[in-house]
Structures are given as C-alpha cells and as structure tokens.
C-alpha cells in the first residue's frame, strides 16, 4: 500500500497548473478525459513516480465545486493509494462499514472511492493496477515526462480534523492499518509514504491541508515560490490553497 497520488481542487485550473510547474519543476500534465463524467477538468503531473493532480469544476453542482465553497477557495481534494489487490481493499472498506461512492473495474484496474463522510478529511481512493509500476491516471506517456532535477516525489498527505485521533483510527480501520501517535498528531505509515492527521491550524476546518514533496534543494523551491508570491512569512510554500512541506531528498 503506497501513496501514489494527491489531488487538489482549484477554481482556475490553468493558473494552478502554471504555479505547480514553476514551483515544483514539473513540465507535463495529463488531461484525463475520464473526469468529465464528474463535471471536472484536470491536470495530472508526474512527480517522480508519484502524481499531483488538480481538478476544477466545469459545470455547477459538482462535489469539487461544493468543496471550493465550503472551504472558501482552492484546497485539498483526494488521497489516492495504490494497493496490490483492489478487490480485497474494497472488501475491507465494506467490512469497516464505509461506503464506496464510485468504483470502476476494467483492463486489470480496480478503483474504489470511499465516501468522505464515512472517514473524514477527504475522499480516499484505493486502486490497483495490472502491475505495480503502472498508473493509468497519469496517462499513457507519463514516464517520458518525468523530471526529478527539482522534485523527487509526493511522500505524505496531511489530513486535518477537530479530532485527529478519531479520524486517524477511522482511516486505519478502512485501510486495515494501525494508526500511531506522532508528536502532536497521528500517522498511518504506508509501504511508501505516510498519512498524517492533525488539528486544523489554518482556520479552514476539516480537509486535506498539506502534502509533503521530496525535493533536491528546498531553497530552490522556496525561491521559485517567492517569485510567484506563494511563500508565506514563515517560509512555507503554498500551492492551490494547500501547504507544501519540503523534504530534502
């Protein structure tokens, strides 16, 4: 079980994608036509062999649009984990008493979206591919466009909630992974990456508040963020209304 993709939501997709390119040093994004069924557009960036996605509503009444309104602007949207056996993961979701609100099974792909009201924080998807290295959501040619001179990979997702222990334990039930106390919050270690659970510190309530990116030189990324007005007074980087924690690789 590994963290493979983090999705954000933005009112202005083009602006958000441009800022991600400039700050994280990625240069390719896949426009997945499959998200059209949800009333969305998207851009999916390979970051090493992990992925950062931005979705944006293209019609009214979408889940993403409601989230933009609820949280007062751009922010976190979804956490996508890759597992070896998607059917077993789906069965575990059911055993934990959570609802699958969207699923797909095709060409060796098994995808299950878990209802955010049943776990808290964000939409969770547990997906399997025909092989471990594949990732259909990145498009057919993502490997040809991987750049790692700046950013190496997405290595953690941070969910915030008013009861982080309860949220962490609930995610742990759904994933059959033990939640562990970590500093002032909680974490669920994965085979690659981790999920963290903390109390809200930004006044925006429950949601996907941050993600971690392994980078070669944090100073380079901060300089690029500062040039775009995306660096906070404490040196924190923000992309698409979401905090980006830089981990020196």
C-alpha atoms as a PDB file:
ATOM      1  CA  UNK A   1       0.000   0.000   0.000  1.00  0.00           C
ATOM      2  CA  UNK A   2       1.599   3.243  -1.120  1.00  0.00           C
ATOM      3  CA  UNK A   3       0.684   6.885  -1.527  1.00  0.00           C
ATOM      4  CA  UNK A   4       0.567   7.293  -5.304  1.00  0.00           C
ATOM      5  CA  UNK A   5      -1.431  10.468  -5.967  1.00  0.00           C
ATOM      6  CA  UNK A   6      -2.709  13.568  -4.180  1.00  0.00           C
ATOM      7  CA  UNK A   7      -5.475  15.631  -5.770  1.00  0.00           C
ATOM      8  CA  UNK A   8      -6.209  19.312  -5.190  1.00  0.00           C
ATOM      9  CA  UNK A   9      -9.153  21.433  -6.307  1.00  0.00           C
ATOM     10  CA  UNK A  10      -8.871  24.863  -7.928  1.00  0.00           C
ATOM     11  CA  UNK A  11     -11.291  27.394  -9.322  1.00  0.00           C
ATOM     12  CA  UNK A  12      -8.737  28.346 -12.010  1.00  0.00           C
ATOM     13  CA  UNK A  13      -7.091  25.194 -13.342  1.00  0.00           C
ATOM     14  CA  UNK A  14      -4.710  26.933 -15.728  1.00  0.00           C
ATOM     15  CA  UNK A  15      -3.330  29.224 -13.042  1.00  0.00           C
ATOM     16  CA  UNK A  16      -2.903  26.399 -10.549  1.00  0.00           C
ATOM     17  CA  UNK A  17      -1.150  24.208 -13.119  1.00  0.00           C
ATOM     18  CA  UNK A  18       1.179  27.041 -14.122  1.00  0.00           C
ATOM     19  CA  UNK A  19       2.171  27.611 -10.480  1.00  0.00           C
ATOM     20  CA  UNK A  20       2.833  23.908  -9.909  1.00  0.00           C
ATOM     21  CA  UNK A  21       5.081  23.781 -12.969  1.00  0.00           C
ATOM     22  CA  UNK A  22       7.022  26.848 -11.853  1.00  0.00           C
ATOM     23  CA  UNK A  23       7.496  25.852  -8.210  1.00  0.00           C
ATOM     24  CA  UNK A  24       7.969  22.088  -8.360  1.00  0.00           C
ATOM     25  CA  UNK A  25       9.851  21.958 -11.656  1.00  0.00           C
ATOM     26  CA  UNK A  26       7.484  19.628 -13.485  1.00  0.00           C
ATOM     27  CA  UNK A  27       6.722  20.208 -17.153  1.00  0.00           C
ATOM     28  CA  UNK A  28       3.943  17.856 -18.237  1.00  0.00           C
ATOM     29  CA  UNK A  29       0.342  17.348 -17.236  1.00  0.00           C
ATOM     30  CA  UNK A  30      -2.127  14.728 -18.440  1.00  0.00           C
ATOM     31  CA  UNK A  31      -5.666  15.905 -19.164  1.00  0.00           C
ATOM     32  CA  UNK A  32      -7.714  12.857 -18.192  1.00  0.00           C
ATOM     33  CA  UNK A  33     -10.994  12.739 -20.151  1.00  0.00           C
ATOM     34  CA  UNK A  34     -12.389  10.297 -17.578  1.00  0.00           C
ATOM     35  CA  UNK A  35     -13.031  13.061 -15.041  1.00  0.00           C
ATOM     36  CA  UNK A  36     -15.529  14.641 -17.419  1.00  0.00           C
ATOM     37  CA  UNK A  37     -18.224  12.325 -16.045  1.00  0.00           C
ATOM     38  CA  UNK A  38     -17.866  14.165 -12.720  1.00  0.00           C
ATOM     39  CA  UNK A  39     -18.207  17.577 -14.381  1.00  0.00           C
ATOM     40  CA  UNK A  40     -14.489  18.296 -13.990  1.00  0.00           C
ATOM     41  CA  UNK A  41     -11.334  19.167 -15.890  1.00  0.00           C
ATOM     42  CA  UNK A  42      -7.967  18.121 -14.545  1.00  0.00           C
ATOM     43  CA  UNK A  43      -4.208  18.177 -14.897  1.00  0.00           C
ATOM     44  CA  UNK A  44      -2.130  15.265 -13.580  1.00  0.00           C
ATOM     45  CA  UNK A  45       1.598  15.869 -13.068  1.00  0.00           C
ATOM     46  CA  UNK A  46       4.139  13.067 -12.608  1.00  0.00           C
ATOM     47  CA  UNK A  47       6.428  13.849  -9.669  1.00  0.00           C
ATOM     48  CA  UNK A  48       8.963  11.060  -9.828  1.00  0.00           C
ATOM     49  CA  UNK A  49       6.717   8.002 -10.000  1.00  0.00           C
ATOM     50  CA  UNK A  50       4.021   9.652  -7.859  1.00  0.00           C
ATOM     51  CA  UNK A  51       1.430  12.158  -9.033  1.00  0.00           C
ATOM     52  CA  UNK A  52      -0.059  15.525  -8.187  1.00  0.00           C
ATOM     53  CA  UNK A  53      -3.464  16.264  -9.668  1.00  0.00           C
ATOM     54  CA  UNK A  54      -5.540  19.416  -9.833  1.00  0.00           C
ATOM     55  CA  UNK A  55      -9.255  19.221 -10.627  1.00  0.00           C
ATOM     56  CA  UNK A  56     -11.533  22.111 -11.485  1.00  0.00           C
ATOM     57  CA  UNK A  57     -15.310  22.251 -11.974  1.00  0.00           C
ATOM     58  CA  UNK A  58     -16.527  22.886 -15.493  1.00  0.00           C
ATOM     59  CA  UNK A  59     -20.191  22.889 -14.533  1.00  0.00           C
ATOM     60  CA  UNK A  60     -22.298  23.671 -11.488  1.00  0.00           C
ATOM     61  CA  UNK A  61     -23.337  21.132  -8.870  1.00  0.00           C
ATOM     62  CA  UNK A  62     -20.088  19.157  -8.648  1.00  0.00           C
ATOM     63  CA  UNK A  63     -18.562  17.764  -5.473  1.00  0.00           C
ATOM     64  CA  UNK A  64     -15.406  19.739  -6.240  1.00  0.00           C
ATOM     65  CA  UNK A  65     -17.392  22.944  -6.645  1.00  0.00           C
ATOM     66  CA  UNK A  66     -19.149  22.426  -3.330  1.00  0.00           C
ATOM     67  CA  UNK A  67     -15.794  21.862  -1.656  1.00  0.00           C
ATOM     68  CA  UNK A  68     -14.466  25.148  -3.068  1.00  0.00           C
ATOM     69  CA  UNK A  69     -17.437  26.911  -1.496  1.00  0.00           C
ATOM     70  CA  UNK A  70     -17.272  25.032   1.804  1.00  0.00           C
ATOM     71  CA  UNK A  71     -13.571  25.665   2.404  1.00  0.00           C
ATOM     72  CA  UNK A  72     -13.506  29.174   0.991  1.00  0.00           C
ATOM     73  CA  UNK A  73     -11.263  28.586  -2.016  1.00  0.00           C
ATOM     74  CA  UNK A  74      -8.712  26.211  -3.502  1.00  0.00           C
ATOM     75  CA  UNK A  75      -7.501  23.321  -1.378  1.00  0.00           C
ATOM     76  CA  UNK A  76      -7.024  19.594  -0.959  1.00  0.00           C
ATOM     77  CA  UNK A  77      -9.453  17.165  -2.568  1.00  0.00           C
ATOM     78  CA  UNK A  78      -8.443  13.494  -2.645  1.00  0.00           C
ATOM     79  CA  UNK A  79      -5.853  10.953  -1.485  1.00  0.00           C
ATOM     80  CA  UNK A  80      -5.225   8.004  -3.812  1.00  0.00           C
ATOM     81  CA  UNK A  81      -3.431   4.903  -2.573  1.00  0.00           C
ATOM     82  CA  UNK A  82      -2.166   2.083  -4.743  1.00  0.00           C
ATOM     83  CA  UNK A  83      -2.650  -1.447  -3.438  1.00  0.00           C
ATOM     84  CA  UNK A  84      -1.813  -4.865  -4.846  1.00  0.00           C
ATOM     85  CA  UNK A  85      -5.378  -6.197  -4.629  1.00  0.00           C
ATOM     86  CA  UNK A  86      -8.093  -3.628  -5.253  1.00  0.00           C
ATOM     87  CA  UNK A  87     -10.937  -6.077  -4.719  1.00  0.00           C
ATOM     88  CA  UNK A  88      -9.601  -7.034  -1.300  1.00  0.00           C
ATOM     89  CA  UNK A  89      -9.216  -3.339  -0.434  1.00  0.00           C
ATOM     90  CA  UNK A  90     -12.809  -2.722  -1.496  1.00  0.00           C
ATOM     91  CA  UNK A  91     -13.975  -5.615   0.679  1.00  0.00           C
ATOM     92  CA  UNK A  92     -12.073  -4.112   3.613  1.00  0.00           C
ATOM     93  CA  UNK A  93     -13.873  -0.792   3.101  1.00  0.00           C
ATOM     94  CA  UNK A  94     -17.170  -2.663   3.340  1.00  0.00           C
ATOM     95  CA  UNK A  95     -16.058  -4.608   6.417  1.00  0.00           C
ATOM     96  CA  UNK A  96     -15.238  -1.291   8.092  1.00  0.00           C
ATOM     97  CA  UNK A  97     -18.765  -0.043   7.390  1.00  0.00           C
ATOM     98  CA  UNK A  98     -17.751   2.676   4.911  1.00  0.00           C
ATOM     99  CA  UNK A  99     -19.457   3.347   1.593  1.00  0.00           C
ATOM    100  CA  UNK A 100     -17.871   3.145  -1.843  1.00  0.00           C
ATOM    101  CA  UNK A 101     -19.368   6.042  -3.783  1.00  0.00           C
ATOM    102  CA  UNK A 102     -17.633   5.366  -7.101  1.00  0.00           C
ATOM    103  CA  UNK A 103     -15.942   2.285  -8.457  1.00  0.00           C
ATOM    104  CA  UNK A 104     -14.502   1.051 -11.723  1.00  0.00           C
ATOM    105  CA  UNK A 105     -13.135  -2.297 -12.866  1.00  0.00           C
ATOM    106  CA  UNK A 106     -11.551  -2.504 -16.321  1.00  0.00           C
ATOM    107  CA  UNK A 107      -8.460  -3.936 -18.020  1.00  0.00           C
ATOM    108  CA  UNK A 108      -6.942  -5.037 -14.728  1.00  0.00           C
ATOM    109  CA  UNK A 109      -7.675  -1.737 -12.967  1.00  0.00           C
ATOM    110  CA  UNK A 110      -9.758  -1.749  -9.775  1.00  0.00           C
ATOM    111  CA  UNK A 111     -10.744   1.651  -8.335  1.00  0.00           C
ATOM    112  CA  UNK A 112     -12.822   2.427  -5.233  1.00  0.00           C
ATOM    113  CA  UNK A 113     -13.676   5.901  -3.923  1.00  0.00           C
ATOM    114  CA  UNK A 114     -14.643   5.975  -0.236  1.00  0.00           C
ATOM    115  CA  UNK A 115     -17.309   8.406   0.925  1.00  0.00           C
ATOM    116  CA  UNK A 116     -15.577  11.255   2.786  1.00  0.00           C
ATOM    117  CA  UNK A 117     -18.420  11.450   5.316  1.00  0.00           C
ATOM    118  CA  UNK A 118     -17.578   7.900   6.390  1.00  0.00           C
ATOM    119  CA  UNK A 119     -13.911   8.636   7.146  1.00  0.00           C
ATOM    120  CA  UNK A 120     -13.484  12.418   7.386  1.00  0.00           C
ATOM    121  CA  UNK A 121     -10.952  14.755   5.842  1.00  0.00           C
ATOM    122  CA  UNK A 122     -11.087  13.959   2.136  1.00  0.00           C
ATOM    123  CA  UNK A 123     -12.146  11.492  -0.500  1.00  0.00           C
ATOM    124  CA  UNK A 124      -9.980   8.365  -0.297  1.00  0.00           C
ATOM    125  CA  UNK A 125      -9.426   6.083  -3.263  1.00  0.00           C
ATOM    126  CA  UNK A 126      -7.802   2.642  -3.059  1.00  0.00           C
ATOM    127  CA  UNK A 127      -6.753   1.495  -6.513  1.00  0.00           C
ATOM    128  CA  UNK A 128      -4.860  -1.397  -8.039  1.00  0.00           C
ATOM    129  CA  UNK A 129      -3.253  -1.631 -11.459  1.00  0.00           C
ATOM    130  CA  UNK A 130      -2.273  -4.610 -13.630  1.00  0.00           C
ATOM    131  CA  UNK A 131       1.320  -4.180 -12.418  1.00  0.00           C
ATOM    132  CA  UNK A 132       2.838  -2.218  -9.535  1.00  0.00           C
ATOM    133  CA  UNK A 133       4.658   0.216 -11.790  1.00  0.00           C
ATOM    134  CA  UNK A 134       1.607   1.186 -13.827  1.00  0.00           C
ATOM    135  CA  UNK A 135      -0.566   4.200 -13.111  1.00  0.00           C
ATOM    136  CA  UNK A 136      -3.372   4.712 -15.634  1.00  0.00           C
ATOM    137  CA  UNK A 137      -4.445   8.035 -14.114  1.00  0.00           C
ATOM    138  CA  UNK A 138      -1.140   9.558 -15.240  1.00  0.00           C
ATOM    139  CA  UNK A 139      -1.872   8.906 -18.894  1.00  0.00           C
ATOM    140  CA  UNK A 140      -0.113   6.658 -21.415  1.00  0.00           C
ATOM    141  CA  UNK A 141       3.183   8.564 -21.710  1.00  0.00           C
ATOM    142  CA  UNK A 142       3.860   9.907 -18.199  1.00  0.00           C
ATOM    143  CA  UNK A 143       7.176   8.043 -17.927  1.00  0.00           C
ATOM    144  CA  UNK A 144       8.524  10.034 -20.878  1.00  0.00           C
ATOM    145  CA  UNK A 145       7.956  13.286 -19.000  1.00  0.00           C
ATOM    146  CA  UNK A 146       9.326  12.575 -15.520  1.00  0.00           C
ATOM    147  CA  UNK A 147      11.706  15.277 -14.292  1.00  0.00           C
ATOM    148  CA  UNK A 148      13.499  14.836 -10.995  1.00  0.00           C
ATOM    149  CA  UNK A 149      16.015  17.685 -11.099  1.00  0.00           C
ATOM    150  CA  UNK A 150      13.834  19.661  -8.644  1.00  0.00           C
ATOM    151  CA  UNK A 151      11.146  17.384  -7.152  1.00  0.00           C
ATOM    152  CA  UNK A 152      11.516  13.667  -6.497  1.00  0.00           C
ATOM    153  CA  UNK A 153       8.080  12.570  -5.312  1.00  0.00           C
ATOM    154  CA  UNK A 154       4.996  13.130  -3.172  1.00  0.00           C
ATOM    155  CA  UNK A 155       5.729  11.373   0.117  1.00  0.00           C
ATOM    156  CA  UNK A 156       2.932  12.271   2.566  1.00  0.00           C
ATOM    157  CA  UNK A 157      -0.576  13.644   2.811  1.00  0.00           C
ATOM    158  CA  UNK A 158      -1.762  15.555   5.878  1.00  0.00           C
ATOM    159  CA  UNK A 159      -5.433  15.496   6.864  1.00  0.00           C
ATOM    160  CA  UNK A 160      -6.737  17.937   9.424  1.00  0.00           C
ATOM    161  CA  UNK A 161      -9.745  17.439  11.672  1.00  0.00           C
ATOM    162  CA  UNK A 162     -11.093  18.570  15.035  1.00  0.00           C
ATOM    163  CA  UNK A 163     -10.485  15.072  16.454  1.00  0.00           C
ATOM    164  CA  UNK A 164      -7.364  13.847  14.652  1.00  0.00           C
ATOM    165  CA  UNK A 165      -7.108  10.688  16.748  1.00  0.00           C
ATOM    166  CA  UNK A 166     -10.607   9.630  15.837  1.00  0.00           C
ATOM    167  CA  UNK A 167     -10.016  10.421  12.161  1.00  0.00           C
ATOM    168  CA  UNK A 168      -6.726   8.532  12.102  1.00  0.00           C
ATOM    169  CA  UNK A 169      -8.250   5.480  13.756  1.00  0.00           C
ATOM    170  CA  UNK A 170     -11.152   5.548  11.304  1.00  0.00           C
ATOM    171  CA  UNK A 171      -8.841   5.697   8.285  1.00  0.00           C
ATOM    172  CA  UNK A 172      -6.866   2.898   9.900  1.00  0.00           C
ATOM    173  CA  UNK A 173      -9.997   0.744  10.133  1.00  0.00           C
ATOM    174  CA  UNK A 174     -10.833   1.319   6.483  1.00  0.00           C
ATOM    175  CA  UNK A 175      -7.281   0.590   5.354  1.00  0.00           C
ATOM    176  CA  UNK A 176      -6.542  -2.186   7.867  1.00  0.00           C
ATOM    177  CA  UNK A 177      -3.508  -0.206   9.031  1.00  0.00           C
ATOM    178  CA  UNK A 178      -2.691   0.760  12.591  1.00  0.00           C
ATOM    179  CA  UNK A 179      -2.812   4.465  13.451  1.00  0.00           C
ATOM    180  CA  UNK A 180       0.124   5.627  15.559  1.00  0.00           C
ATOM    181  CA  UNK A 181       0.624   8.672  17.760  1.00  0.00           C
ATOM    182  CA  UNK A 182       3.211  11.009  16.249  1.00  0.00           C
ATOM    183  CA  UNK A 183       4.192  14.226  18.020  1.00  0.00           C
ATOM    184  CA  UNK A 184       1.086  16.351  18.401  1.00  0.00           C
ATOM    185  CA  UNK A 185      -0.891  14.296  15.907  1.00  0.00           C
ATOM    186  CA  UNK A 186      -1.300  10.825  14.459  1.00  0.00           C
ATOM    187  CA  UNK A 187       0.030   8.942  11.464  1.00  0.00           C
ATOM    188  CA  UNK A 188      -0.590   5.850   9.385  1.00  0.00           C
ATOM    189  CA  UNK A 189       2.655   4.528   7.876  1.00  0.00           C
ATOM    190  CA  UNK A 190       2.380   3.097   4.386  1.00  0.00           C
ATOM    191  CA  UNK A 191       4.770   0.871   2.452  1.00  0.00           C
ATOM    192  CA  UNK A 192       5.773   4.051   0.611  1.00  0.00           C
ATOM    193  CA  UNK A 193       4.786   7.379   2.141  1.00  0.00           C
ATOM    194  CA  UNK A 194       2.531   8.141   5.078  1.00  0.00           C
ATOM    195  CA  UNK A 195      -0.754   9.739   6.079  1.00  0.00           C
ATOM    196  CA  UNK A 196      -0.750  12.286   8.919  1.00  0.00           C
ATOM    197  CA  UNK A 197      -3.669  13.563  10.955  1.00  0.00           C
ATOM    198  CA  UNK A 198      -3.522  16.898  12.776  1.00  0.00           C
ATOM    199  CA  UNK A 199      -5.800  19.520  14.297  1.00  0.00           C
ATOM    200  CA  UNK A 200      -6.767  22.423  11.999  1.00  0.00           C
ATOM    201  CA  UNK A 201      -4.328  25.293  12.176  1.00  0.00           C
ATOM    202  CA  UNK A 202      -5.418  27.418   9.241  1.00  0.00           C
ATOM    203  CA  UNK A 203      -8.997  28.341  10.131  1.00  0.00           C
ATOM    204  CA  UNK A 204     -10.394  26.279   7.239  1.00  0.00           C
ATOM    205  CA  UNK A 205     -11.733  23.332   9.195  1.00  0.00           C
ATOM    206  CA  UNK A 206     -11.558  19.703   8.179  1.00  0.00           C
ATOM    207  CA  UNK A 207      -9.815  18.702   4.985  1.00  0.00           C
ATOM    208  CA  UNK A 208      -6.631  17.774   3.175  1.00  0.00           C
ATOM    209  CA  UNK A 209      -4.494  20.626   4.412  1.00  0.00           C
ATOM    210  CA  UNK A 210      -0.964  19.751   3.289  1.00  0.00           C
ATOM    211  CA  UNK A 211       1.220  17.317   1.427  1.00  0.00           C
ATOM    212  CA  UNK A 212       4.952  16.603   1.501  1.00  0.00           C
ATOM    213  CA  UNK A 213       7.241  16.627  -1.514  1.00  0.00           C
ATOM    214  CA  UNK A 214      10.784  15.259  -1.513  1.00  0.00           C
ATOM    215  CA  UNK A 215      12.978  17.832  -3.260  1.00  0.00           C
ATOM    216  CA  UNK A 216      16.671  18.097  -4.054  1.00  0.00           C
ATOM    217  CA  UNK A 217      17.088  21.611  -2.665  1.00  0.00           C
ATOM    218  CA  UNK A 218      14.319  23.225  -0.596  1.00  0.00           C
ATOM    219  CA  UNK A 219      15.938  26.656  -1.056  1.00  0.00           C
ATOM    220  CA  UNK A 220      15.453  26.414  -4.828  1.00  0.00           C
ATOM    221  CA  UNK A 221      11.773  25.560  -4.433  1.00  0.00           C
ATOM    222  CA  UNK A 222      11.215  28.342  -1.899  1.00  0.00           C
ATOM    223  CA  UNK A 223      12.865  30.852  -4.226  1.00  0.00           C
ATOM    224  CA  UNK A 224      10.550  29.816  -7.057  1.00  0.00           C
ATOM    225  CA  UNK A 225       7.552  30.075  -4.727  1.00  0.00           C
ATOM    226  CA  UNK A 226       8.631  33.503  -3.518  1.00  0.00           C
ATOM    227  CA  UNK A 227       8.904  34.738  -7.111  1.00  0.00           C
ATOM    228  CA  UNK A 228       5.251  33.763  -7.584  1.00  0.00           C
ATOM    229  CA  UNK A 229       4.047  35.186  -4.277  1.00  0.00           C
ATOM    230  CA  UNK A 230       3.471  31.688  -2.934  1.00  0.00           C
ATOM    231  CA  UNK A 231       5.844  31.792   0.030  1.00  0.00           C
ATOM    232  CA  UNK A 232       4.446  32.573   3.465  1.00  0.00           C
ATOM    233  CA  UNK A 233       6.145  34.698   6.127  1.00  0.00           C
ATOM    234  CA  UNK A 234       7.428  31.576   7.875  1.00  0.00           C
ATOM    235  CA  UNK A 235       8.952  30.153   4.701  1.00  0.00           C
ATOM    236  CA  UNK A 236       6.024  27.847   3.998  1.00  0.00           C
ATOM    237  CA  UNK A 237       5.148  27.082   0.368  1.00  0.00           C
ATOM    238  CA  UNK A 238       1.509  27.102  -0.735  1.00  0.00           C
ATOM    239  CA  UNK A 239       0.123  25.624  -3.936  1.00  0.00           C
ATOM    240  CA  UNK A 240      -3.556  25.579  -4.825  1.00  0.00           C
ATOM    241  CA  UNK A 241      -4.517  26.725  -1.329  1.00  0.00           C
ATOM    242  CA  UNK A 242      -2.598  23.810   0.206  1.00  0.00           C
ATOM    243  CA  UNK A 243       0.575  23.824   2.300  1.00  0.00           C
ATOM    244  CA  UNK A 244       3.549  22.059   0.760  1.00  0.00           C
ATOM    245  CA  UNK A 245       6.074  20.622   3.201  1.00  0.00           C
ATOM    246  CA  UNK A 246       9.501  20.293   1.577  1.00  0.00           C
ATOM    247  CA  UNK A 247      11.551  17.221   2.495  1.00  0.00           C
ATOM    248  CA  UNK A 248      15.211  17.345   1.490  1.00  0.00           C
ATOM    249  CA  UNK A 249      15.940  14.235  -0.571  1.00  0.00           C
END
